[in-house]
Amino acid sequence: MQKEIHDFMKNHLDLLVQQAKTYQPFVRTAFPNVNLADACFNLVAGNAFSVFLGQYAMRVRSPTEQDFADFGSLVSQYRQKINEMFSE
């Protein structure tokens, strides 16, 4: 993945995790019997994936297989942060 796209995606993922922390009290109250860490991670990954594809579309390029693998590696680093956020 190009450094510019990688850096943009990292910043975007950091923002999404910060937003999830902000909404955490509401989410815990609204959905008491749901695995919130998995649900949150899925939302973050889904949002990040559309942004990832948008970054390539703006450059009139298609991501390669390696770009997709890099994206998966980057996003998976956030699973632990989200798990920790909801285990408190």
C-alpha atoms as a PDB file:
ATOM      1  CA  MET A   1       0.000   0.000   0.000  1.00  0.00           C
ATOM      2  CA  GLN A   2       1.324   3.441  -0.819  1.00  0.00           C
ATOM      3  CA  LYS A   3       2.634   5.310   2.213  1.00  0.00           C
ATOM      4  CA  GLU A   4       0.216   8.179   1.631  1.00  0.00           C
ATOM      5  CA  ILE A   5      -2.785   5.824   1.652  1.00  0.00           C
ATOM      6  CA  HIS A   6      -1.403   3.861   4.613  1.00  0.00           C
ATOM      7  CA  ASP A   7      -0.956   7.028   6.661  1.00  0.00           C
ATOM      8  CA  PHE A   8      -4.419   8.281   5.728  1.00  0.00           C
ATOM      9  CA  MET A   9      -5.985   4.963   6.673  1.00  0.00           C
ATOM     10  CA  LYS A  10      -4.124   4.823   9.987  1.00  0.00           C
ATOM     11  CA  ASN A  11      -5.369   8.304  10.882  1.00  0.00           C
ATOM     12  CA  HIS A  12      -8.893   7.365   9.822  1.00  0.00           C
ATOM     13  CA  LEU A  13      -8.848   4.202  11.939  1.00  0.00           C
ATOM     14  CA  ASP A  14      -7.555   6.162  14.937  1.00  0.00           C
ATOM     15  CA  LEU A  15     -10.437   8.602  14.493  1.00  0.00           C
ATOM     16  CA  LEU A  16     -12.990   5.777  14.294  1.00  0.00           C
ATOM     17  CA  VAL A  17     -11.676   4.198  17.502  1.00  0.00           C
ATOM     18  CA  GLN A  18     -11.813   7.579  19.279  1.00  0.00           C
ATOM     19  CA  GLN A  19     -15.398   8.050  18.122  1.00  0.00           C
ATOM     20  CA  ALA A  20     -16.279   4.568  19.363  1.00  0.00           C
ATOM     21  CA  LYS A  21     -14.890   5.492  22.794  1.00  0.00           C
ATOM     22  CA  THR A  22     -17.111   8.571  22.826  1.00  0.00           C
ATOM     23  CA  TYR A  23     -20.256   6.584  22.031  1.00  0.00           C
ATOM     24  CA  GLN A  24     -19.366   3.657  24.291  1.00  0.00           C
ATOM     25  CA  PRO A  25     -21.625   4.610  27.251  1.00  0.00           C
ATOM     26  CA  PHE A  26     -24.667   4.892  24.983  1.00  0.00           C
ATOM     27  CA  VAL A  27     -23.874   1.669  23.146  1.00  0.00           C
ATOM     28  CA  ARG A  28     -23.455  -0.281  26.390  1.00  0.00           C
ATOM     29  CA  THR A  29     -26.863   0.945  27.577  1.00  0.00           C
ATOM     30  CA  ALA A  30     -28.665   0.461  24.277  1.00  0.00           C
ATOM     31  CA  PHE A  31     -27.306  -3.025  23.562  1.00  0.00           C
ATOM     32  CA  PRO A  32     -26.678  -4.750  26.897  1.00  0.00           C
ATOM     33  CA  ASN A  33     -26.649  -8.344  25.606  1.00  0.00           C
ATOM     34  CA  VAL A  34     -24.493  -7.916  22.503  1.00  0.00           C
ATOM     35  CA  ASN A  35     -20.805  -8.670  21.985  1.00  0.00           C
ATOM     36  CA  LEU A  36     -19.948  -5.008  21.554  1.00  0.00           C
ATOM     37  CA  ALA A  37     -16.281  -5.506  20.744  1.00  0.00           C
ATOM     38  CA  ASP A  38     -17.080  -7.642  17.698  1.00  0.00           C
ATOM     39  CA  ALA A  39     -19.896  -5.362  16.574  1.00  0.00           C
ATOM     40  CA  CYS A  40     -17.707  -2.270  16.921  1.00  0.00           C
ATOM     41  CA  PHE A  41     -14.788  -3.877  15.114  1.00  0.00           C
ATOM     42  CA  ASN A  42     -17.054  -4.904  12.242  1.00  0.00           C
ATOM     43  CA  LEU A  43     -18.394  -1.365  11.910  1.00  0.00           C
ATOM     44  CA  VAL A  44     -14.899   0.132  12.006  1.00  0.00           C
ATOM     45  CA  ALA A  45     -13.556  -2.366   9.463  1.00  0.00           C
ATOM     46  CA  GLY A  46     -16.523  -1.852   7.142  1.00  0.00           C
ATOM     47  CA  ASN A  47     -16.239   1.911   7.252  1.00  0.00           C
ATOM     48  CA  ALA A  48     -12.472   1.791   6.793  1.00  0.00           C
ATOM     49  CA  PHE A  49     -12.828  -0.557   3.816  1.00  0.00           C
ATOM     50  CA  SER A  50     -15.041   1.873   1.918  1.00  0.00           C
ATOM     51  CA  VAL A  51     -12.599   4.696   2.669  1.00  0.00           C
ATOM     52  CA  PHE A  52      -9.708   2.479   1.540  1.00  0.00           C
ATOM     53  CA  LEU A  53     -11.416   1.822  -1.795  1.00  0.00           C
ATOM     54  CA  GLY A  54     -12.265   5.520  -2.119  1.00  0.00           C
ATOM     55  CA  GLN A  55      -8.609   6.455  -1.719  1.00  0.00           C
ATOM     56  CA  TYR A  56      -7.739   4.293  -4.715  1.00  0.00           C
ATOM     57  CA  ALA A  57     -10.721   5.522  -6.748  1.00  0.00           C
ATOM     58  CA  MET A  58      -9.605   9.132  -6.243  1.00  0.00           C
ATOM     59  CA  ARG A  59      -6.253   8.175  -7.728  1.00  0.00           C
ATOM     60  CA  VAL A  60      -7.934   6.277 -10.598  1.00  0.00           C
ATOM     61  CA  ARG A  61      -6.185   3.084  -9.546  1.00  0.00           C
ATOM     62  CA  SER A  62      -7.219  -0.335  -8.390  1.00  0.00           C
ATOM     63  CA  PRO A  63      -5.781  -1.882  -5.239  1.00  0.00           C
ATOM     64  CA  THR A  64      -3.580  -4.896  -5.805  1.00  0.00           C
ATOM     65  CA  GLU A  65      -3.824  -8.159  -3.928  1.00  0.00           C
ATOM     66  CA  GLN A  66      -0.950  -6.968  -1.739  1.00  0.00           C
ATOM     67  CA  ASP A  67      -2.801  -3.691  -1.037  1.00  0.00           C
ATOM     68  CA  PHE A  68      -5.784  -5.692   0.222  1.00  0.00           C
ATOM     69  CA  ALA A  69      -3.476  -7.810   2.389  1.00  0.00           C
ATOM     70  CA  ASP A  70      -1.841  -4.661   3.778  1.00  0.00           C
ATOM     71  CA  PHE A  71      -5.276  -3.222   4.543  1.00  0.00           C
ATOM     72  CA  GLY A  72      -6.240  -6.395   6.389  1.00  0.00           C
ATOM     73  CA  SER A  73      -3.047  -6.290   8.434  1.00  0.00           C
ATOM     74  CA  LEU A  74      -3.567  -2.640   9.328  1.00  0.00           C
ATOM     75  CA  VAL A  75      -7.194  -3.082  10.370  1.00  0.00           C
ATOM     76  CA  SER A  76      -6.467  -6.213  12.400  1.00  0.00           C
ATOM     77  CA  GLN A  77      -4.113  -4.166  14.595  1.00  0.00           C
ATOM     78  CA  TYR A  78      -7.175  -2.292  15.865  1.00  0.00           C
ATOM     79  CA  ARG A  79      -9.065  -5.387  17.032  1.00  0.00           C
ATOM     80  CA  GLN A  80      -7.105  -5.536  20.305  1.00  0.00           C
ATOM     81  CA  LYS A  81      -7.670  -1.827  20.986  1.00  0.00           C
ATOM     82  CA  ILE A  82     -11.406  -2.285  20.516  1.00  0.00           C
ATOM     83  CA  ASN A  83     -11.474  -5.473  22.621  1.00  0.00           C
ATOM     84  CA  GLU A  84      -9.734  -3.626  25.447  1.00  0.00           C
ATOM     85  CA  MET A  85     -12.146  -0.710  25.186  1.00  0.00           C
ATOM     86  CA  PHE A  86     -15.168  -2.958  25.755  1.00  0.00           C
ATOM     87  CA  SER A  87     -13.594  -5.209  28.394  1.00  0.00           C
ATOM     88  CA  GLU A  88     -13.433  -2.425  30.956  1.00  0.00           C
END
